[in-house]
Amino acid sequence: MKAQDFDEKFDNGEDVTSYLDLSTVRRPGYEQRRINVDFPIWMIEALDREAARRECHSTVDH
């Protein structure tokens, strides 16, 4: 498809996602990275209480 045709479809509000290769999409600045942090026990307990209050699970390994 020519760029002009693609632009026209986009400008007309048509769904153009089928023309895109989404297998390599990335969002710069949003990559995840795992780190280890040591917190005092009182802070971990507070985080656990807040996670329970929000009905989500903490992933704290303690």
N, C-alpha and C. Protein backbone atom coordinates (compact mmCIF):
# COMPACT_ATOMS: atom_id res chain seq x y z
N MET A 1 0.84 -1.17 0.00
CA MET A 1 0.00 0.00 0.00
C MET A 1 0.89 1.23 0.00
N LYS A 2 0.53 2.18 -0.77
CA LYS A 2 1.29 3.42 -0.84
C LYS A 2 0.99 4.27 0.40
N ALA A 3 1.97 5.06 0.79
CA ALA A 3 1.83 5.92 1.96
C ALA A 3 0.65 6.86 1.82
N GLN A 4 0.43 7.36 0.65
CA GLN A 4 -0.69 8.28 0.43
C GLN A 4 -2.02 7.59 0.70
N ASP A 5 -2.16 6.33 0.26
CA ASP A 5 -3.38 5.57 0.52
C ASP A 5 -3.56 5.30 2.01
N PHE A 6 -2.45 4.94 2.66
CA PHE A 6 -2.48 4.71 4.11
C PHE A 6 -2.91 5.98 4.84
N ASP A 7 -2.29 7.11 4.49
CA ASP A 7 -2.62 8.39 5.12
C ASP A 7 -4.09 8.75 4.92
N GLU A 8 -4.60 8.47 3.74
CA GLU A 8 -5.99 8.80 3.44
C GLU A 8 -6.93 7.97 4.32
N LYS A 9 -6.64 6.67 4.43
CA LYS A 9 -7.46 5.81 5.28
C LYS A 9 -7.42 6.30 6.73
N PHE A 10 -6.22 6.61 7.19
CA PHE A 10 -6.06 7.09 8.57
C PHE A 10 -6.82 8.39 8.77
N ASP A 11 -6.66 9.32 7.87
CA ASP A 11 -7.33 10.62 7.97
C ASP A 11 -8.84 10.49 7.93
N ASN A 12 -9.33 9.45 7.27
CA ASN A 12 -10.78 9.22 7.19
C ASN A 12 -11.31 8.46 8.40
N GLY A 13 -10.42 8.14 9.34
CA GLY A 13 -10.83 7.47 10.56
C GLY A 13 -10.95 5.96 10.43
N GLU A 14 -10.45 5.41 9.34
CA GLU A 14 -10.51 3.96 9.15
C GLU A 14 -9.48 3.27 10.04
N ASP A 15 -9.76 2.02 10.38
CA ASP A 15 -8.83 1.23 11.19
C ASP A 15 -7.67 0.78 10.29
N VAL A 16 -6.48 1.24 10.58
CA VAL A 16 -5.32 0.91 9.75
C VAL A 16 -4.39 -0.10 10.43
N THR A 17 -4.80 -0.62 11.58
CA THR A 17 -3.90 -1.52 12.32
C THR A 17 -3.57 -2.79 11.55
N SER A 18 -4.45 -3.24 10.66
CA SER A 18 -4.14 -4.46 9.90
C SER A 18 -2.99 -4.23 8.92
N TYR A 19 -2.65 -2.99 8.66
CA TYR A 19 -1.55 -2.68 7.75
C TYR A 19 -0.22 -2.49 8.49
N LEU A 20 -0.24 -2.61 9.81
CA LEU A 20 0.96 -2.39 10.63
C LEU A 20 1.52 -3.70 11.13
N ASP A 21 2.83 -3.78 11.27
CA ASP A 21 3.48 -4.94 11.88
C ASP A 21 3.65 -4.62 13.37
N LEU A 22 2.74 -5.13 14.18
CA LEU A 22 2.74 -4.82 15.61
C LEU A 22 3.62 -5.78 16.42
N SER A 23 4.27 -6.73 15.76
CA SER A 23 5.09 -7.70 16.49
C SER A 23 6.36 -7.08 17.06
N THR A 24 6.77 -5.94 16.54
CA THR A 24 8.02 -5.33 17.02
C THR A 24 7.78 -3.97 17.69
N VAL A 25 6.54 -3.71 18.05
CA VAL A 25 6.21 -2.42 18.67
C VAL A 25 6.82 -2.36 20.06
N ARG A 26 7.37 -1.21 20.41
CA ARG A 26 7.87 -0.98 21.76
C ARG A 26 7.62 0.47 22.13
N ARG A 27 7.60 0.74 23.42
CA ARG A 27 7.35 2.09 23.91
C ARG A 27 8.60 2.56 24.63
N PRO A 28 9.41 3.37 23.98
CA PRO A 28 10.64 3.85 24.62
C PRO A 28 10.35 4.53 25.96
N GLY A 29 11.16 4.21 26.92
CA GLY A 29 10.99 4.79 28.25
C GLY A 29 10.06 3.99 29.14
N TYR A 30 9.41 2.94 28.61
CA TYR A 30 8.49 2.13 29.39
C TYR A 30 8.99 0.70 29.57
N GLU A 31 10.25 0.44 29.20
CA GLU A 31 10.80 -0.88 29.38
C GLU A 31 10.87 -1.19 30.88
N GLN A 32 10.69 -2.45 31.21
CA GLN A 32 10.76 -2.84 32.61
C GLN A 32 12.14 -3.36 32.95
N ARG A 33 12.49 -3.17 34.20
CA ARG A 33 13.78 -3.64 34.68
C ARG A 33 13.60 -4.07 36.13
N ARG A 34 14.08 -5.24 36.47
CA ARG A 34 13.94 -5.76 37.82
C ARG A 34 15.10 -5.27 38.69
N ILE A 35 14.75 -4.83 39.89
CA ILE A 35 15.76 -4.40 40.85
C ILE A 35 15.46 -5.03 42.20
N ASN A 36 16.44 -5.09 43.06
CA ASN A 36 16.25 -5.56 44.43
C ASN A 36 16.45 -4.37 45.36
N VAL A 37 15.52 -4.21 46.28
CA VAL A 37 15.58 -3.11 47.23
C VAL A 37 15.32 -3.66 48.63
N ASP A 38 16.11 -3.24 49.57
CA ASP A 38 15.89 -3.62 50.96
C ASP A 38 15.10 -2.53 51.67
N PHE A 39 13.95 -2.94 52.26
CA PHE A 39 13.10 -2.01 53.02
C PHE A 39 13.06 -2.47 54.47
N PRO A 40 12.82 -1.56 55.38
CA PRO A 40 12.62 -1.95 56.78
C PRO A 40 11.34 -2.81 56.90
N ILE A 41 11.31 -3.69 57.87
CA ILE A 41 10.17 -4.59 58.05
C ILE A 41 8.87 -3.81 58.19
N TRP A 42 8.87 -2.69 58.92
CA TRP A 42 7.62 -1.94 59.10
C TRP A 42 7.07 -1.45 57.77
N MET A 43 7.94 -1.13 56.83
CA MET A 43 7.49 -0.65 55.53
C MET A 43 6.90 -1.80 54.70
N ILE A 44 7.53 -2.96 54.78
CA ILE A 44 7.00 -4.13 54.07
C ILE A 44 5.63 -4.50 54.61
N GLU A 45 5.49 -4.46 55.93
CA GLU A 45 4.19 -4.77 56.54
C GLU A 45 3.14 -3.76 56.11
N ALA A 46 3.52 -2.48 56.01
CA ALA A 46 2.59 -1.46 55.56
C ALA A 46 2.20 -1.69 54.09
N LEU A 47 3.17 -2.07 53.28
CA LEU A 47 2.87 -2.37 51.87
C LEU A 47 1.94 -3.58 51.75
N ASP A 48 2.18 -4.60 52.58
CA ASP A 48 1.31 -5.78 52.57
C ASP A 48 -0.12 -5.42 52.99
N ARG A 49 -0.25 -4.56 54.01
CA ARG A 49 -1.59 -4.14 54.44
C ARG A 49 -2.30 -3.37 53.34
N GLU A 50 -1.58 -2.49 52.68
CA GLU A 50 -2.18 -1.70 51.60
C GLU A 50 -2.56 -2.59 50.42
N ALA A 51 -1.73 -3.58 50.11
CA ALA A 51 -2.05 -4.52 49.03
C ALA A 51 -3.31 -5.31 49.38
N ALA A 52 -3.43 -5.73 50.63
CA ALA A 52 -4.63 -6.46 51.06
C ALA A 52 -5.86 -5.56 51.00
N ARG A 53 -5.70 -4.31 51.40
CA ARG A 53 -6.82 -3.36 51.37
C ARG A 53 -7.30 -3.15 49.94
N ARG A 54 -6.37 -3.12 49.00
CA ARG A 54 -6.73 -2.92 47.59
C ARG A 54 -7.05 -4.23 46.88
N GLU A 55 -7.01 -5.32 47.65
CA GLU A 55 -7.30 -6.66 47.12
C GLU A 55 -6.39 -7.03 45.95
N CYS A 56 -5.12 -6.69 46.10
CA CYS A 56 -4.13 -7.12 45.11
C CYS A 56 -3.02 -7.80 45.89
N HIS A 57 -2.21 -8.54 45.20
CA HIS A 57 -1.16 -9.29 45.86
C HIS A 57 0.17 -8.58 45.71
N SER A 58 0.87 -8.47 46.81
CA SER A 58 2.21 -7.92 46.72
C SER A 58 3.16 -9.00 46.24
N THR A 59 4.22 -8.61 45.63
CA THR A 59 5.21 -9.58 45.16
C THR A 59 6.46 -9.49 46.00
N VAL A 60 6.28 -9.02 47.22
CA VAL A 60 7.40 -8.89 48.14
C VAL A 60 7.83 -10.27 48.58
N ASP A 61 9.11 -10.55 48.46
CA ASP A 61 9.67 -11.83 48.89
C ASP A 61 10.28 -11.64 50.26
N HIS A 62 9.51 -12.04 51.28
CA HIS A 62 10.04 -11.90 52.64
C HIS A 62 9.75 -13.10 53.45
